[in-house]
Amino acid sequence: MISCRTTSVNAKMVNLASNVGAISLFFIKGKIIWHIALPMSICNGLGGFLGAKMAIKRGNNFVRIFFQILMVLMLLRFAWDVLT
């Protein structure tokens, strides 16, 4: 069985590759809004760093429970959006 950490790392690598492609395209086209992009990228990097440290420190069970809680919250939010 593949651990949650391994799947998380694989997902991060795919996400990084797609982000590099998108950034390259926006940069070539001159469409990057720097005053928005820089704070977002800093917060994204910080969140990834802290999340990775927490996953390593607390292990697979924490990651699995945290992921399941987030999925339930997202499902409830989407249901709210659809039903209201």
Protein backbone atom coordinates (compact mmCIF):
# COMPACT_ATOMS: atom_id res chain seq x y z
CA MET A 1 0.00 0.00 0.00
CA ILE A 2 1.30 3.43 -0.90
CA SER A 3 1.53 5.83 2.03
CA CYS A 4 -0.29 9.14 2.15
CA ARG A 5 3.05 10.91 2.26
CA THR A 6 4.20 9.24 -0.98
CA THR A 7 0.98 10.12 -2.78
CA SER A 8 1.19 13.67 -1.43
CA VAL A 9 4.76 14.06 -2.72
CA ASN A 10 3.75 12.71 -6.13
CA ALA A 11 0.81 15.12 -6.29
CA LYS A 12 3.11 18.02 -5.36
CA MET A 13 5.51 17.15 -8.17
CA VAL A 14 2.71 17.06 -10.75
CA ASN A 15 1.38 20.35 -9.36
CA LEU A 16 4.85 21.91 -9.56
CA ALA A 17 5.24 20.86 -13.19
CA SER A 18 1.87 22.34 -14.19
CA ASN A 19 2.61 25.54 -12.26
CA VAL A 20 5.97 25.98 -14.00
CA GLY A 21 4.24 25.56 -17.35
CA ALA A 22 1.56 28.09 -16.46
CA ILE A 23 4.05 30.61 -15.07
CA SER A 24 6.17 30.29 -18.20
CA LEU A 25 3.20 30.96 -20.45
CA PHE A 26 1.95 33.94 -18.43
CA PHE A 27 5.48 35.38 -18.23
CA ILE A 28 6.01 35.08 -21.99
CA LYS A 29 2.64 36.76 -22.61
CA GLY A 30 3.36 39.47 -20.01
CA LYS A 31 0.18 38.70 -18.10
CA ILE A 32 1.53 38.18 -14.57
CA ILE A 33 -0.02 40.55 -12.02
CA TRP A 34 3.04 40.82 -9.79
CA HIS A 35 1.43 42.52 -6.76
CA ILE A 36 -0.94 39.56 -6.49
CA ALA A 37 1.36 36.78 -7.70
CA LEU A 38 4.27 37.40 -5.32
CA PRO A 39 2.32 37.30 -2.04
CA MET A 40 0.39 34.26 -3.28
CA SER A 41 3.57 32.41 -4.20
CA ILE A 42 5.19 33.23 -0.85
CA CYS A 43 2.14 32.00 1.08
CA ASN A 44 1.90 28.90 -1.11
CA GLY A 45 5.55 28.04 -0.45
CA LEU A 46 5.20 28.67 3.27
CA GLY A 47 2.06 26.56 3.47
CA GLY A 48 3.73 23.72 1.58
CA PHE A 49 6.76 23.88 3.84
CA LEU A 50 4.71 23.87 7.04
CA GLY A 51 2.40 21.17 5.73
CA ALA A 52 5.32 18.92 4.80
CA LYS A 53 6.94 19.41 8.21
CA MET A 54 3.65 18.59 9.93
CA ALA A 55 3.09 15.49 7.76
CA ILE A 56 6.58 14.21 8.53
CA LYS A 57 6.25 14.97 12.23
CA ARG A 58 2.75 13.55 12.76
CA GLY A 59 2.71 10.71 10.21
CA ASN A 60 0.25 9.03 7.88
CA ASN A 61 -2.71 8.87 10.23
CA PHE A 62 -2.71 12.63 10.75
CA VAL A 63 -2.49 13.28 7.01
CA ARG A 64 -5.29 10.81 6.28
CA ILE A 65 -7.62 12.27 8.94
CA PHE A 66 -6.81 15.86 7.94
CA PHE A 67 -7.49 15.05 4.28
CA GLN A 68 -10.80 13.36 5.10
CA ILE A 69 -11.93 16.33 7.20
CA LEU A 70 -11.07 18.72 4.37
CA MET A 71 -12.97 16.58 1.86
CA VAL A 72 -16.08 16.55 4.06
CA LEU A 73 -15.87 20.33 4.52
CA MET A 74 -15.48 20.87 0.77
CA LEU A 75 -18.40 18.55 0.06
CA LEU A 76 -20.57 20.48 2.51
CA ARG A 77 -19.55 23.78 0.95
CA PHE A 78 -20.31 22.59 -2.58
CA ALA A 79 -23.64 21.17 -1.42
CA TRP A 80 -24.43 24.54 0.19
CA ASP A 81 -23.58 26.35 -3.05
CA VAL A 82 -25.77 24.03 -5.10
CA LEU A 83 -28.74 23.99 -2.75
CA THR A 84 -28.90 27.71 -1.95
